Amino acid sequence: MKKSKRLEIVYTIVKKHKIYKKEQIISYIEEYFGVRYSATTIAKDLKELNIYRVPMDCETWIYKAINNQTEQEMREKFRHYCEHEVLSSIINGAYIIVKTSPGFAQGINYFIDQLNIEEILGTVSGNDTTLILAASNDMAEYVYAKLFK
């Protein structure tokens, strides 16, 4: 099977089914097309297609094609996550610390990164905390207002 066909199949599988693990994609392609691919090949395909694991709820992550969304759609999803999963957020100097429900910090981090806010120098997330770094205290205030108000 040519790579372009495989990419099309992987994209279609992710769009039409809830995919929790790469192994589901591998099994589906093997069952319906008779070809077995390695997890590494599928991982590279997912990256090329801009398909990422995003939180569905506190404990469940699924693969979704996200990068094809408009900035407005990204902002709406970010707002939704903020309303339902952000427990608190504070500014401490040039840092913004965001506490989330367990398992949602990396999802919040992803949406912040996708918003491409120039004043953000970087973001780091664990399981339930996201740290946003700005260039200065004033920039942190500005970024905070842009994200959460």
Protein backbone atom coordinates (compact mmCIF):
# COMPACT_ATOMS: atom_id res chain seq x y z
CA MET A 1 0.00 0.00 0.00
CA LYS A 2 1.33 3.44 -0.89
CA LYS A 3 1.98 5.94 1.87
CA SER A 4 -0.63 8.40 0.55
CA LYS A 5 -3.33 5.70 0.70
CA ARG A 6 -2.23 4.67 4.20
CA LEU A 7 -2.40 8.30 5.38
CA GLU A 8 -5.90 8.62 3.94
CA ILE A 9 -6.99 5.43 5.70
CA VAL A 10 -5.48 6.48 9.04
CA TYR A 11 -7.18 9.88 8.81
CA THR A 12 -10.54 8.27 7.98
CA ILE A 13 -10.25 5.77 10.84
CA VAL A 14 -9.56 8.55 13.35
CA LYS A 15 -12.41 10.69 11.99
CA LYS A 16 -15.01 7.90 12.03
CA HIS A 17 -14.08 6.00 15.19
CA LYS A 18 -13.09 6.77 18.76
CA ILE A 19 -9.45 5.76 18.80
CA TYR A 20 -7.83 5.43 22.21
CA LYS A 21 -4.59 3.67 21.20
CA LYS A 22 -2.42 3.38 18.08
CA GLU A 23 -2.89 -0.38 18.29
CA GLN A 24 -6.56 0.09 17.34
CA ILE A 25 -5.50 1.70 14.06
CA ILE A 26 -2.97 -1.07 13.41
CA SER A 27 -5.60 -3.76 14.07
CA TYR A 28 -8.20 -2.02 11.90
CA ILE A 29 -5.83 -1.73 8.91
CA GLU A 30 -4.71 -5.33 9.35
CA GLU A 31 -8.29 -6.63 9.60
CA TYR A 32 -9.78 -4.68 6.69
CA PHE A 33 -6.77 -4.26 4.38
CA GLY A 34 -4.60 -7.25 5.25
CA VAL A 35 -1.49 -5.18 5.93
CA ARG A 36 0.27 -4.85 9.29
CA TYR A 37 2.19 -1.69 10.13
CA SER A 38 4.41 -1.01 13.12
CA ALA A 39 3.40 1.38 15.90
CA THR A 40 6.31 3.60 14.83
CA THR A 41 4.95 3.91 11.28
CA ILE A 42 1.47 4.77 12.55
CA ALA A 43 2.93 7.27 15.05
CA LYS A 44 4.76 9.03 12.20
CA ASP A 45 1.56 9.04 10.14
CA LEU A 46 -0.40 10.57 13.02
CA LYS A 47 2.22 13.29 13.41
CA GLU A 48 2.22 14.04 9.68
CA LEU A 49 -1.59 14.25 9.69
CA ASN A 50 -1.56 16.55 12.76
CA ILE A 51 -3.56 14.03 14.77
CA TYR A 52 -2.98 14.18 18.53
CA ARG A 53 -4.29 12.61 21.72
CA VAL A 54 -6.61 15.01 23.49
CA PRO A 55 -8.55 14.54 26.72
CA MET A 56 -12.13 13.38 26.37
CA ASP A 57 -12.72 13.32 30.13
CA CYS A 58 -10.63 12.99 33.29
CA GLU A 59 -9.23 9.57 32.46
CA THR A 60 -9.83 9.09 28.74
CA TRP A 61 -7.75 10.39 25.85
CA ILE A 62 -8.64 9.96 22.19
CA TYR A 63 -6.90 10.74 18.92
CA LYS A 64 -8.29 13.72 17.00
CA ALA A 65 -7.28 15.82 14.02
CA ILE A 66 -7.09 19.25 15.62
CA ASN A 67 -4.73 21.47 13.66
CA ASN A 68 -7.22 21.89 10.84
CA GLN A 69 -9.43 24.03 13.05
CA THR A 70 -9.72 27.77 12.84
CA GLU A 71 -8.40 30.06 15.55
CA GLN A 72 -12.00 30.82 16.57
CA GLU A 73 -12.75 27.11 17.04
CA MET A 74 -9.58 26.74 19.11
CA ARG A 75 -10.57 29.69 21.30
CA GLU A 76 -14.04 28.19 21.82
CA LYS A 77 -12.59 24.83 22.86
CA PHE A 78 -10.10 26.56 25.14
CA ARG A 79 -12.95 28.53 26.78
CA HIS A 80 -14.92 25.30 27.21
CA TYR A 81 -11.95 23.64 28.94
CA CYS A 82 -11.45 26.72 31.12
CA GLU A 83 -15.09 26.74 32.21
CA HIS A 84 -15.21 23.04 33.02
CA GLU A 85 -11.69 21.89 33.89
CA VAL A 86 -9.65 24.85 35.19
CA LEU A 87 -9.88 24.93 38.98
CA SER A 88 -7.76 28.04 39.56
CA SER A 89 -5.21 30.31 37.93
CA ILE A 90 -2.82 32.81 39.47
CA ILE A 91 -0.08 35.16 38.37
CA ASN A 92 3.22 34.93 40.21
CA GLY A 93 5.74 37.34 38.72
CA ALA A 94 6.28 36.46 35.08
CA TYR A 95 4.56 33.08 35.55
CA ILE A 96 0.92 32.09 35.25
CA ILE A 97 0.05 28.90 37.12
CA VAL A 98 -3.10 27.07 36.03
CA LYS A 99 -4.52 24.24 38.17
CA THR A 100 -6.83 21.83 36.32
CA SER A 101 -8.82 18.69 36.96
CA PRO A 102 -6.51 15.65 36.92
CA GLY A 103 -5.48 14.75 33.38
CA PHE A 104 -6.42 18.04 31.72
CA ALA A 105 -3.30 20.19 32.08
CA GLN A 106 -1.69 18.94 28.88
CA GLY A 107 -4.92 19.51 26.95
CA ILE A 108 -5.07 23.09 28.23
CA ASN A 109 -1.39 23.45 27.35
CA TYR A 110 -2.06 22.24 23.81
CA PHE A 111 -4.80 24.81 23.22
CA ILE A 112 -2.69 27.64 24.69
CA ASP A 113 0.15 26.70 22.32
CA GLN A 114 -2.24 26.57 19.35
CA LEU A 115 -3.45 30.11 20.07
CA ASN A 116 0.07 31.34 19.15
CA ILE A 117 0.14 34.23 21.61
CA GLU A 118 3.42 36.04 20.90
CA GLU A 119 3.89 37.21 24.49
CA ILE A 120 4.08 33.63 25.79
CA LEU A 121 7.68 32.43 25.92
CA GLY A 122 6.73 28.84 26.71
CA THR A 123 4.42 26.45 28.51
CA VAL A 124 5.02 23.32 30.59
CA SER A 125 2.40 20.91 31.91
CA GLY A 126 2.13 17.97 34.21
CA ASN A 127 -1.01 16.03 35.05
CA ASP A 128 -2.99 18.82 36.70
CA THR A 129 -0.85 21.97 36.46
CA THR A 130 0.21 24.17 33.55
CA LEU A 131 2.94 26.79 33.88
CA ILE A 132 2.91 29.67 31.39
CA LEU A 133 6.05 31.79 31.14
CA ALA A 134 5.91 35.41 29.99
CA ALA A 135 8.81 37.82 29.42
CA SER A 136 7.94 40.07 32.36
CA ASN A 137 5.43 40.66 35.13
CA ASP A 138 3.52 43.12 32.92
CA MET A 139 3.44 40.65 30.05
CA ALA A 140 2.13 37.96 32.41
CA GLU A 141 -0.75 40.27 33.36
CA TYR A 142 -1.45 40.91 29.66
CA VAL A 143 -1.35 37.18 28.77
CA TYR A 144 -3.57 36.33 31.73
CA ALA A 145 -6.16 38.88 30.60
CA LYS A 146 -5.99 37.59 27.03
CA LEU A 147 -6.50 33.97 28.11
CA PHE A 148 -8.87 34.14 31.04
CA LYS A 149 -10.91 37.34 30.84
